[in-house]
Each structure stands twice: as C-alpha cells, then as structure tokens.
C-alpha cells in the first residue's frame, strides 16, 4: 500500500482570519495572506491537504451545516480547489459529546484511513493546543500558528501557514 503525506489544516486562524467569534458567513470569511501560495507549494510536493475544523456553532444553533458548506465552497474557489477534503465537527459538549471534536482525533483518524495517510510524513497546522493534541494522538507532527509567536508544547511555532510550510514542512520532507 502506498502511504501518502498530508498536511492537515485547522480552518479559523490558519486559513481564514480568526475574528474572535464564529465565522459562518462568506462575507466574513477573510482568507489569510499567503494561504493559496502555501497550498500551491505543498501540492507541488504531492501533499494531500485536508481541513480539520470544529464548528460548534452548529450544535449551539447559531448557524447551519449549509452555512459551513458555503464558506468551504468559497475557500475552495479562492484557493484554486487545492483542498482534497474537509472534515468538520458540528458537535459541542453543551449538546452532544463527540470524539470528532478536537482535541479528540476521530476526524484525523477517518482521514488517515480513507486516504492511506502516513502519519510519520504528515503535519497538522493549527492555531490552538487542541489542534496539536489531536495530531499527537495519531502520530502527526504539529505546528502552532499565531501572530504573537506564543510558545507551544512541541516548540514549532510560526506566524502563519506560509511560514510553517517554508520553515518546517518543506525542509523536513524536501
């Protein structure tokens, strides 16, 4: 079986601007500078690109699955349809416990099984420790992105996705 390398991507704060509130309308969905270029660089190296995102606003009744799908369609269209798949968890502990919800790892596990992904050659880029915890549970290396360069348990921190790709991912697997 030919195992594939993948970069798992959190959505809010990695692909689109983190607004401090739920982003579920296309008009509020602002793609971060450098995201498309980062994706293009990864695709040139044959990485799968899979979005892994918690969307608790669905469980809270703030927006619908359709709202999320419209944002994801917009993201795909604006980035040249480079994303191979998008997994999202509509649950929140206020209504439903779920192993899909990060920091649990079921979304990652499903993607790994479906796409024959090699965790040793794969990465998770997220903007919170819960993203990295989920990645660690399945043996995927994690990179934390944030504007302030806060520290992370594993020490891999960047300002944005493009820096993560250039500084860590492409250097580890040239």
N, C-alpha and C. Protein backbone atom coordinates (compact mmCIF):
# COMPACT_ATOMS: atom_id res chain seq x y z
N UNK A 1 0.84 -1.18 0.00
CA UNK A 1 0.00 0.00 0.00
C UNK A 1 0.89 1.24 0.00
N UNK A 2 0.60 2.17 -0.88
CA UNK A 2 1.37 3.40 -1.00
C UNK A 2 0.79 4.46 -0.06
N UNK A 3 1.50 4.73 1.03
CA UNK A 3 1.02 5.72 2.00
C UNK A 3 1.36 7.13 1.53
N UNK A 4 0.47 8.05 1.81
CA UNK A 4 0.61 9.43 1.34
C UNK A 4 0.95 10.38 2.48
N UNK A 5 1.63 11.45 2.14
CA UNK A 5 1.88 12.53 3.10
C UNK A 5 0.73 13.52 3.03
N UNK A 6 0.40 14.10 4.17
CA UNK A 6 -0.73 15.02 4.25
C UNK A 6 -0.38 16.19 5.16
N UNK A 7 -0.94 17.34 4.85
CA UNK A 7 -0.93 18.45 5.79
C UNK A 7 -2.38 18.70 6.16
N UNK A 8 -2.67 18.46 7.44
CA UNK A 8 -3.98 18.73 8.00
C UNK A 8 -4.00 20.20 8.41
N UNK A 9 -5.08 20.87 8.11
CA UNK A 9 -5.17 22.30 8.35
C UNK A 9 -6.40 22.64 9.19
N UNK A 10 -6.17 23.30 10.31
CA UNK A 10 -7.29 23.89 11.02
C UNK A 10 -7.82 25.02 10.15
N UNK A 11 -9.03 25.42 10.35
CA UNK A 11 -9.61 26.45 9.48
C UNK A 11 -9.42 27.85 10.08
N UNK A 12 -10.22 28.20 11.07
CA UNK A 12 -10.20 29.56 11.62
C UNK A 12 -8.87 29.83 12.32
N UNK A 13 -8.19 30.87 11.88
CA UNK A 13 -6.89 31.23 12.44
C UNK A 13 -5.71 30.70 11.65
N UNK A 14 -5.97 29.74 10.75
CA UNK A 14 -4.91 29.19 9.90
C UNK A 14 -5.19 29.54 8.44
N UNK A 15 -6.40 29.25 7.98
CA UNK A 15 -6.77 29.53 6.59
C UNK A 15 -7.49 30.87 6.44
N UNK A 16 -8.35 31.16 7.40
CA UNK A 16 -9.08 32.42 7.39
C UNK A 16 -8.84 33.14 8.72
N UNK A 17 -9.05 34.44 8.70
CA UNK A 17 -8.80 35.25 9.88
C UNK A 17 -9.68 34.81 11.05
N UNK A 18 -9.06 34.69 12.22
CA UNK A 18 -9.79 34.40 13.45
C UNK A 18 -10.41 35.72 13.92
N UNK A 19 -11.72 35.76 13.99
CA UNK A 19 -12.42 37.01 14.32
C UNK A 19 -12.76 37.13 15.79
N UNK A 20 -12.56 36.07 16.57
CA UNK A 20 -12.96 36.11 17.97
C UNK A 20 -14.43 35.75 18.15
N UNK A 21 -15.09 35.43 17.06
CA UNK A 21 -16.46 34.95 17.08
C UNK A 21 -16.61 33.98 15.91
N UNK A 22 -17.73 33.29 15.87
CA UNK A 22 -17.92 32.29 14.82
C UNK A 22 -17.94 32.93 13.42
N UNK A 23 -17.26 32.28 12.50
CA UNK A 23 -17.25 32.73 11.11
C UNK A 23 -18.08 31.74 10.31
N UNK A 24 -19.25 32.19 9.87
CA UNK A 24 -20.15 31.29 9.14
C UNK A 24 -20.81 31.97 7.95
N UNK A 25 -20.48 33.23 7.71
CA UNK A 25 -20.99 33.93 6.53
C UNK A 25 -19.82 34.19 5.59
N UNK A 26 -20.03 33.97 4.31
CA UNK A 26 -18.97 34.16 3.32
C UNK A 26 -18.42 35.58 3.38
N UNK A 27 -19.28 36.56 3.62
CA UNK A 27 -18.80 37.95 3.66
C UNK A 27 -17.85 38.22 4.84
N UNK A 28 -17.87 37.36 5.84
CA UNK A 28 -16.95 37.49 6.99
C UNK A 28 -15.71 36.60 6.86
N UNK A 29 -15.68 35.78 5.83
CA UNK A 29 -14.63 34.78 5.65
C UNK A 29 -13.46 35.40 4.89
N UNK A 30 -12.46 35.86 5.63
CA UNK A 30 -11.29 36.54 5.05
C UNK A 30 -10.10 35.58 5.05
N UNK A 31 -9.69 35.17 3.87
CA UNK A 31 -8.56 34.24 3.75
C UNK A 31 -7.27 34.98 4.06
N UNK A 32 -6.43 34.36 4.87
CA UNK A 32 -5.18 34.96 5.32
C UNK A 32 -4.19 35.04 4.15
N UNK A 33 -3.46 36.15 4.08
CA UNK A 33 -2.44 36.33 3.03
C UNK A 33 -1.46 35.15 3.05
N UNK A 34 -1.13 34.66 1.88
CA UNK A 34 -0.15 33.59 1.74
C UNK A 34 -0.72 32.19 1.77
N UNK A 35 -2.00 32.05 2.10
CA UNK A 35 -2.60 30.72 2.20
C UNK A 35 -2.56 29.99 0.86
N UNK A 36 -2.99 30.66 -0.20
CA UNK A 36 -3.02 30.00 -1.51
C UNK A 36 -1.60 29.61 -1.94
N UNK A 37 -0.64 30.48 -1.74
CA UNK A 37 0.75 30.17 -2.10
C UNK A 37 1.26 28.98 -1.29
N UNK A 38 0.96 28.94 0.00
CA UNK A 38 1.37 27.82 0.85
C UNK A 38 0.78 26.51 0.33
N UNK A 39 -0.49 26.54 -0.02
CA UNK A 39 -1.14 25.34 -0.55
C UNK A 39 -0.50 24.92 -1.87
N UNK A 40 -0.20 25.87 -2.73
CA UNK A 40 0.43 25.54 -4.02
C UNK A 40 1.79 24.89 -3.79
N UNK A 41 2.58 25.41 -2.86
CA UNK A 41 3.89 24.82 -2.56
C UNK A 41 3.73 23.38 -2.07
N UNK A 42 2.75 23.15 -1.22
CA UNK A 42 2.52 21.79 -0.70
C UNK A 42 2.05 20.84 -1.80
N UNK A 43 1.18 21.30 -2.67
CA UNK A 43 0.69 20.47 -3.76
C UNK A 43 1.82 20.10 -4.72
N UNK A 44 2.78 21.02 -4.92
CA UNK A 44 3.92 20.73 -5.78
C UNK A 44 4.74 19.57 -5.23
N UNK A 45 4.67 19.36 -3.92
CA UNK A 45 5.38 18.25 -3.26
C UNK A 45 4.45 17.07 -3.00
N UNK A 46 3.29 17.06 -3.64
CA UNK A 46 2.33 15.95 -3.59
C UNK A 46 1.71 15.70 -2.21
N UNK A 47 1.61 16.73 -1.39
CA UNK A 47 0.90 16.58 -0.12
C UNK A 47 -0.60 16.61 -0.37
N UNK A 48 -1.32 15.77 0.36
CA UNK A 48 -2.76 15.93 0.46
C UNK A 48 -3.01 17.11 1.38
N UNK A 49 -4.07 17.85 1.14
CA UNK A 49 -4.45 18.96 2.01
C UNK A 49 -5.86 18.68 2.52
N UNK A 50 -5.96 18.52 3.84
CA UNK A 50 -7.25 18.18 4.44
C UNK A 50 -7.52 19.13 5.60
N UNK A 51 -8.66 19.80 5.53
CA UNK A 51 -9.08 20.71 6.59
C UNK A 51 -9.76 19.90 7.69
N UNK A 52 -9.39 20.20 8.94
CA UNK A 52 -9.96 19.55 10.12
C UNK A 52 -10.43 20.68 11.04
N UNK A 53 -11.75 20.86 11.19
CA UNK A 53 -12.24 22.03 11.92
C UNK A 53 -13.43 21.71 12.82
N UNK A 54 -13.39 22.25 14.03
CA UNK A 54 -14.55 22.21 14.92
C UNK A 54 -15.51 23.32 14.49
N UNK A 55 -16.78 23.01 14.39
CA UNK A 55 -17.80 24.00 14.06
C UNK A 55 -18.94 23.90 15.06
N UNK A 56 -18.63 24.26 16.31
CA UNK A 56 -19.56 24.12 17.42
C UNK A 56 -20.79 25.01 17.29
N UNK A 57 -20.71 26.06 16.49
CA UNK A 57 -21.86 26.94 16.32
C UNK A 57 -23.09 26.22 15.77
N UNK A 58 -22.86 25.11 15.08
CA UNK A 58 -23.99 24.30 14.58
C UNK A 58 -24.75 23.71 15.75
N UNK A 59 -24.03 23.08 16.68
CA UNK A 59 -24.68 22.48 17.85
C UNK A 59 -25.36 23.54 18.72
N UNK A 60 -24.80 24.73 18.73
CA UNK A 60 -25.37 25.82 19.53
C UNK A 60 -26.53 26.52 18.83
N UNK A 61 -26.83 26.11 17.59
CA UNK A 61 -27.94 26.69 16.85
C UNK A 61 -27.65 28.07 16.27
N UNK A 62 -26.38 28.44 16.18
CA UNK A 62 -26.02 29.76 15.67
C UNK A 62 -25.96 29.81 14.15
N UNK A 63 -25.68 28.67 13.53
CA UNK A 63 -25.64 28.57 12.08
C UNK A 63 -25.84 27.12 11.68
N UNK A 64 -25.92 26.87 10.38
CA UNK A 64 -26.28 25.54 9.89
C UNK A 64 -25.11 24.88 9.15
N UNK A 65 -25.28 23.60 8.86
CA UNK A 65 -24.31 22.88 8.03
C UNK A 65 -24.16 23.58 6.68
N UNK A 66 -25.28 24.06 6.14
CA UNK A 66 -25.25 24.74 4.85
C UNK A 66 -24.38 26.01 4.91
N UNK A 67 -24.44 26.75 6.00
CA UNK A 67 -23.58 27.93 6.16
C UNK A 67 -22.11 27.53 6.10
N UNK A 68 -21.76 26.45 6.78
CA UNK A 68 -20.38 25.95 6.79
C UNK A 68 -19.98 25.54 5.38
N UNK A 69 -20.86 24.82 4.69
CA UNK A 69 -20.54 24.36 3.34
C UNK A 69 -20.34 25.53 2.38
N UNK A 70 -21.10 26.59 2.54
CA UNK A 70 -20.93 27.77 1.68
C UNK A 70 -19.56 28.41 1.91
N UNK A 71 -19.12 28.49 3.17
CA UNK A 71 -17.79 29.02 3.47
C UNK A 71 -16.71 28.12 2.88
N UNK A 72 -16.90 26.81 2.97
CA UNK A 72 -15.90 25.89 2.44
C UNK A 72 -15.85 25.93 0.91
N UNK A 73 -17.00 26.11 0.28
CA UNK A 73 -17.02 26.24 -1.17
C UNK A 73 -16.28 27.52 -1.59
N UNK A 74 -16.51 28.60 -0.85
CA UNK A 74 -15.81 29.86 -1.12
C UNK A 74 -14.30 29.67 -0.95
N UNK A 75 -13.89 29.02 0.14
CA UNK A 75 -12.47 28.76 0.39
C UNK A 75 -11.86 27.97 -0.77
N UNK A 76 -12.53 26.92 -1.21
CA UNK A 76 -12.04 26.12 -2.33
C UNK A 76 -11.90 26.97 -3.60
N UNK A 77 -12.90 27.76 -3.88
CA UNK A 77 -12.87 28.59 -5.10
C UNK A 77 -11.76 29.63 -5.05
N UNK A 78 -11.51 30.20 -3.88
CA UNK A 78 -10.50 31.25 -3.75
C UNK A 78 -9.07 30.69 -3.72
N UNK A 79 -8.93 29.41 -3.45
CA UNK A 79 -7.58 28.82 -3.34
C UNK A 79 -7.31 27.83 -4.48
N UNK A 80 -8.07 27.89 -5.54
CA UNK A 80 -7.80 27.05 -6.70
C UNK A 80 -8.20 25.59 -6.53
N UNK A 81 -9.14 25.33 -5.64
CA UNK A 81 -9.64 23.96 -5.40
C UNK A 81 -8.50 22.98 -5.06
N UNK A 82 -7.57 23.45 -4.24
CA UNK A 82 -6.41 22.63 -3.87
C UNK A 82 -6.66 21.72 -2.67
N UNK A 83 -7.74 21.97 -1.94
CA UNK A 83 -8.04 21.17 -0.74
C UNK A 83 -8.65 19.84 -1.18
N UNK A 84 -8.09 18.75 -0.66
CA UNK A 84 -8.56 17.42 -1.04
C UNK A 84 -9.83 17.01 -0.32
N UNK A 85 -9.99 17.47 0.92
CA UNK A 85 -11.20 17.13 1.67
C UNK A 85 -11.30 18.06 2.87
N UNK A 86 -12.52 18.15 3.39
CA UNK A 86 -12.79 18.98 4.56
C UNK A 86 -13.62 18.15 5.53
N UNK A 87 -13.10 18.02 6.75
CA UNK A 87 -13.82 17.34 7.82
C UNK A 87 -14.18 18.40 8.85
N UNK A 88 -15.45 18.39 9.28
CA UNK A 88 -15.81 19.32 10.34
C UNK A 88 -16.68 18.63 11.37
N UNK A 89 -16.54 19.07 12.60
CA UNK A 89 -17.32 18.51 13.70
C UNK A 89 -18.39 19.52 14.08
N UNK A 90 -19.66 19.16 13.93
CA UNK A 90 -20.75 20.07 14.26
C UNK A 90 -21.17 20.01 15.73
N UNK A 91 -20.46 19.24 16.53
CA UNK A 91 -20.87 18.99 17.92
C UNK A 91 -20.21 19.94 18.91
N UNK A 92 -20.82 20.04 20.08
CA UNK A 92 -20.25 20.79 21.20
C UNK A 92 -20.77 20.15 22.47
N UNK A 93 -19.96 20.11 23.53
CA UNK A 93 -20.39 19.46 24.77
C UNK A 93 -21.68 20.03 25.38
N UNK A 94 -22.09 21.24 24.99
CA UNK A 94 -23.36 21.76 25.52
C UNK A 94 -24.55 20.92 25.05
N UNK A 95 -24.38 20.20 23.93
CA UNK A 95 -25.50 19.39 23.43
C UNK A 95 -25.11 17.94 23.16
N UNK A 96 -23.91 17.72 22.65
CA UNK A 96 -23.50 16.38 22.24
C UNK A 96 -22.00 16.19 22.43
N UNK A 97 -21.61 15.18 23.16
CA UNK A 97 -20.20 14.82 23.24
C UNK A 97 -19.83 14.10 21.95
N UNK A 98 -18.61 14.30 21.49
CA UNK A 98 -18.19 13.65 20.25
C UNK A 98 -16.68 13.46 20.22
N UNK A 99 -16.26 12.29 19.76
CA UNK A 99 -14.83 12.03 19.58
C UNK A 99 -14.29 12.71 18.32
N UNK A 100 -15.20 13.27 17.50
CA UNK A 100 -14.76 14.03 16.34
C UNK A 100 -14.13 15.35 16.77
N UNK A 101 -14.65 15.92 17.84
CA UNK A 101 -14.26 17.27 18.27
C UNK A 101 -12.83 17.29 18.79
N UNK A 102 -12.00 18.16 18.19
CA UNK A 102 -10.64 18.33 18.70
C UNK A 102 -10.74 18.90 20.11
N UNK A 103 -9.97 18.42 21.05
CA UNK A 103 -8.69 17.73 20.94
C UNK A 103 -8.77 16.21 20.72
N UNK A 104 -9.97 15.65 20.57
CA UNK A 104 -10.03 14.24 20.18
C UNK A 104 -9.64 14.14 18.71
N UNK A 105 -9.40 12.93 18.27
CA UNK A 105 -8.72 12.76 16.98
C UNK A 105 -9.51 12.00 15.91
N UNK A 106 -10.80 11.80 16.11
CA UNK A 106 -11.54 10.95 15.18
C UNK A 106 -11.60 11.51 13.75
N UNK A 107 -11.65 12.84 13.59
CA UNK A 107 -11.64 13.39 12.22
C UNK A 107 -10.32 13.03 11.53
N UNK A 108 -9.22 13.15 12.25
CA UNK A 108 -7.91 12.80 11.70
C UNK A 108 -7.85 11.31 11.39
N UNK A 109 -8.33 10.49 12.32
CA UNK A 109 -8.31 9.03 12.12
C UNK A 109 -9.09 8.63 10.87
N UNK A 110 -10.25 9.24 10.68
CA UNK A 110 -11.06 8.92 9.50
C UNK A 110 -10.33 9.29 8.21
N UNK A 111 -9.71 10.46 8.20
CA UNK A 111 -8.97 10.90 7.01
C UNK A 111 -7.78 10.00 6.74
N UNK A 112 -7.06 9.63 7.79
CA UNK A 112 -5.89 8.76 7.65
C UNK A 112 -6.30 7.42 7.03
N UNK A 113 -7.40 6.86 7.51
CA UNK A 113 -7.87 5.58 6.97
C UNK A 113 -8.37 5.72 5.53
N UNK A 114 -9.13 6.75 5.27
CA UNK A 114 -9.73 6.91 3.94
C UNK A 114 -8.69 7.17 2.85
N UNK A 115 -7.67 7.96 3.18
CA UNK A 115 -6.70 8.38 2.17
C UNK A 115 -5.34 7.67 2.27
N UNK A 116 -5.24 6.64 3.11
CA UNK A 116 -3.97 5.91 3.28
C UNK A 116 -2.82 6.86 3.61
N UNK A 117 -3.01 7.65 4.64
CA UNK A 117 -2.04 8.68 5.02
C UNK A 117 -1.01 8.09 5.97
N UNK A 118 0.24 8.46 5.74
CA UNK A 118 1.35 8.08 6.61
C UNK A 118 1.53 9.18 7.67
N UNK A 119 1.16 8.91 8.92
CA UNK A 119 1.29 9.93 9.96
C UNK A 119 2.73 10.43 10.13
N UNK A 120 3.72 9.56 9.90
CA UNK A 120 5.12 9.95 10.08
C UNK A 120 5.56 11.02 9.07
N UNK A 121 4.89 11.09 7.93
CA UNK A 121 5.24 12.08 6.90
C UNK A 121 4.25 13.25 6.88
N UNK A 122 3.39 13.31 7.88
CA UNK A 122 2.30 14.28 7.85
C UNK A 122 2.38 15.29 8.97
N UNK A 123 1.65 16.38 8.78
CA UNK A 123 1.67 17.53 9.69
C UNK A 123 0.25 18.01 9.96
N UNK A 124 0.10 18.65 11.12
CA UNK A 124 -1.14 19.38 11.44
C UNK A 124 -0.73 20.81 11.72
N UNK A 125 -1.35 21.77 11.05
CA UNK A 125 -1.11 23.18 11.32
C UNK A 125 -2.37 23.74 11.94
N UNK A 126 -2.24 24.20 13.19
CA UNK A 126 -3.39 24.71 13.92
C UNK A 126 -3.04 25.97 14.69
N UNK A 127 -4.08 26.60 15.22
CA UNK A 127 -3.85 27.82 15.98
C UNK A 127 -4.13 27.66 17.47
N UNK A 128 -4.32 26.42 17.92
CA UNK A 128 -4.52 26.19 19.35
C UNK A 128 -3.91 24.85 19.75
N UNK A 129 -3.63 24.71 21.02
CA UNK A 129 -3.05 23.46 21.53
C UNK A 129 -3.96 22.28 21.24
N UNK A 130 -5.28 22.49 21.22
CA UNK A 130 -6.19 21.35 20.97
C UNK A 130 -5.95 20.74 19.59
N UNK A 131 -5.53 21.56 18.62
CA UNK A 131 -5.19 21.04 17.29
C UNK A 131 -3.97 20.12 17.39
N UNK A 132 -2.98 20.56 18.16
CA UNK A 132 -1.74 19.79 18.28
C UNK A 132 -1.94 18.53 19.11
N UNK A 133 -2.83 18.60 20.10
CA UNK A 133 -3.14 17.42 20.91
C UNK A 133 -3.78 16.35 20.03
N UNK A 134 -4.73 16.74 19.19
CA UNK A 134 -5.38 15.79 18.27
C UNK A 134 -4.34 15.17 17.34
N UNK A 135 -3.44 15.99 16.82
CA UNK A 135 -2.40 15.49 15.92
C UNK A 135 -1.50 14.49 16.64
N UNK A 136 -1.11 14.83 17.84
CA UNK A 136 -0.22 13.97 18.61
C UNK A 136 -0.84 12.60 18.88
N UNK A 137 -2.14 12.56 19.07
CA UNK A 137 -2.85 11.30 19.34
C UNK A 137 -2.72 10.31 18.18
N UNK A 138 -2.53 10.82 16.95
CA UNK A 138 -2.42 9.94 15.79
C UNK A 138 -1.00 9.91 15.22
N UNK A 139 -0.05 10.52 15.92
CA UNK A 139 1.34 10.46 15.49
C UNK A 139 1.72 11.42 14.40
N UNK A 140 0.95 12.51 14.26
CA UNK A 140 1.22 13.54 13.26
C UNK A 140 1.92 14.71 13.94
N UNK A 141 2.95 15.26 13.30
CA UNK A 141 3.68 16.40 13.85
C UNK A 141 2.80 17.64 13.78
N UNK A 142 2.91 18.50 14.79
CA UNK A 142 2.08 19.70 14.83
C UNK A 142 2.88 20.99 14.80
N UNK A 143 2.28 21.99 14.17
CA UNK A 143 2.85 23.34 14.15
C UNK A 143 1.75 24.31 14.59
N UNK A 144 2.09 25.16 15.53
CA UNK A 144 1.16 26.17 16.01
C UNK A 144 1.41 27.47 15.26
N UNK A 145 0.35 28.07 14.73
CA UNK A 145 0.48 29.37 14.09
C UNK A 145 -0.29 30.40 14.90
N UNK A 146 0.36 31.53 15.11
CA UNK A 146 -0.30 32.67 15.74
C UNK A 146 0.55 33.92 15.53
N UNK A 147 -0.08 35.04 15.60
CA UNK A 147 0.60 36.32 15.35
C UNK A 147 1.63 36.66 16.41
N UNK A 148 1.42 36.16 17.62
CA UNK A 148 2.28 36.58 18.73
C UNK A 148 3.47 35.66 18.96
N UNK A 149 3.56 34.58 18.17
CA UNK A 149 4.63 33.58 18.36
C UNK A 149 4.64 33.02 19.77
N UNK A 150 3.44 32.81 20.33
CA UNK A 150 3.36 32.16 21.64
C UNK A 150 4.03 30.81 21.56
N UNK A 151 4.44 30.29 22.68
CA UNK A 151 5.12 29.00 22.69
C UNK A 151 4.11 27.86 22.59
N UNK A 152 4.62 26.73 22.19
CA UNK A 152 3.83 25.52 22.06
C UNK A 152 4.55 24.40 22.78
N UNK A 153 3.80 23.37 23.15
CA UNK A 153 4.42 22.23 23.83
C UNK A 153 5.54 21.61 22.99
N UNK A 154 5.38 21.59 21.67
CA UNK A 154 6.40 20.95 20.84
C UNK A 154 7.41 21.94 20.27
N UNK A 155 7.22 23.24 20.53
CA UNK A 155 8.21 24.22 20.12
C UNK A 155 8.13 24.71 18.69
N UNK A 156 7.28 24.12 17.85
CA UNK A 156 7.17 24.55 16.47
C UNK A 156 6.08 25.60 16.36
N UNK A 157 6.49 26.85 16.21
CA UNK A 157 5.55 27.97 16.17
C UNK A 157 5.91 28.89 15.02
N UNK A 158 4.89 29.35 14.29
CA UNK A 158 5.08 30.27 13.17
C UNK A 158 4.00 31.34 13.20
N UNK A 159 4.22 32.39 12.42
CA UNK A 159 3.24 33.47 12.33
C UNK A 159 2.03 33.09 11.50
N UNK A 160 2.25 32.25 10.46
CA UNK A 160 1.15 31.92 9.56
C UNK A 160 1.47 30.62 8.81
N UNK A 161 0.52 30.19 8.00
CA UNK A 161 0.67 28.93 7.27
C UNK A 161 1.86 28.96 6.32
N UNK A 162 2.03 30.04 5.59
CA UNK A 162 3.12 30.11 4.62
C UNK A 162 4.47 29.94 5.33
N UNK A 163 4.64 30.60 6.45
CA UNK A 163 5.90 30.44 7.20
C UNK A 163 6.06 29.01 7.70
N UNK A 164 4.98 28.38 8.15
CA UNK A 164 5.05 26.99 8.61
C UNK A 164 5.50 26.07 7.49
N UNK A 165 4.96 26.30 6.30
CA UNK A 165 5.30 25.48 5.14
C UNK A 165 6.78 25.66 4.78
N UNK A 166 7.22 26.90 4.71
CA UNK A 166 8.60 27.18 4.28
C UNK A 166 9.63 26.84 5.36
N UNK A 167 9.30 27.09 6.61
CA UNK A 167 10.27 26.93 7.70
C UNK A 167 10.40 25.48 8.18
N UNK A 168 9.29 24.75 8.17
CA UNK A 168 9.31 23.41 8.74
C UNK A 168 8.96 22.29 7.75
N UNK A 169 7.80 22.38 7.12
CA UNK A 169 7.27 21.24 6.36
C UNK A 169 8.16 20.91 5.16
N UNK A 170 8.45 21.90 4.33
CA UNK A 170 9.23 21.62 3.12
C UNK A 170 10.69 21.28 3.45
N UNK A 171 11.19 21.75 4.58
CA UNK A 171 12.57 21.42 4.96
C UNK A 171 12.67 20.01 5.52
N UNK A 172 11.58 19.54 6.15
CA UNK A 172 11.59 18.19 6.74
C UNK A 172 11.41 17.11 5.68
N UNK A 173 10.60 17.42 4.67
CA UNK A 173 10.31 16.46 3.61
C UNK A 173 10.55 17.14 2.26
N UNK A 174 11.81 17.39 1.90
CA UNK A 174 12.09 18.13 0.66
C UNK A 174 11.68 17.37 -0.60
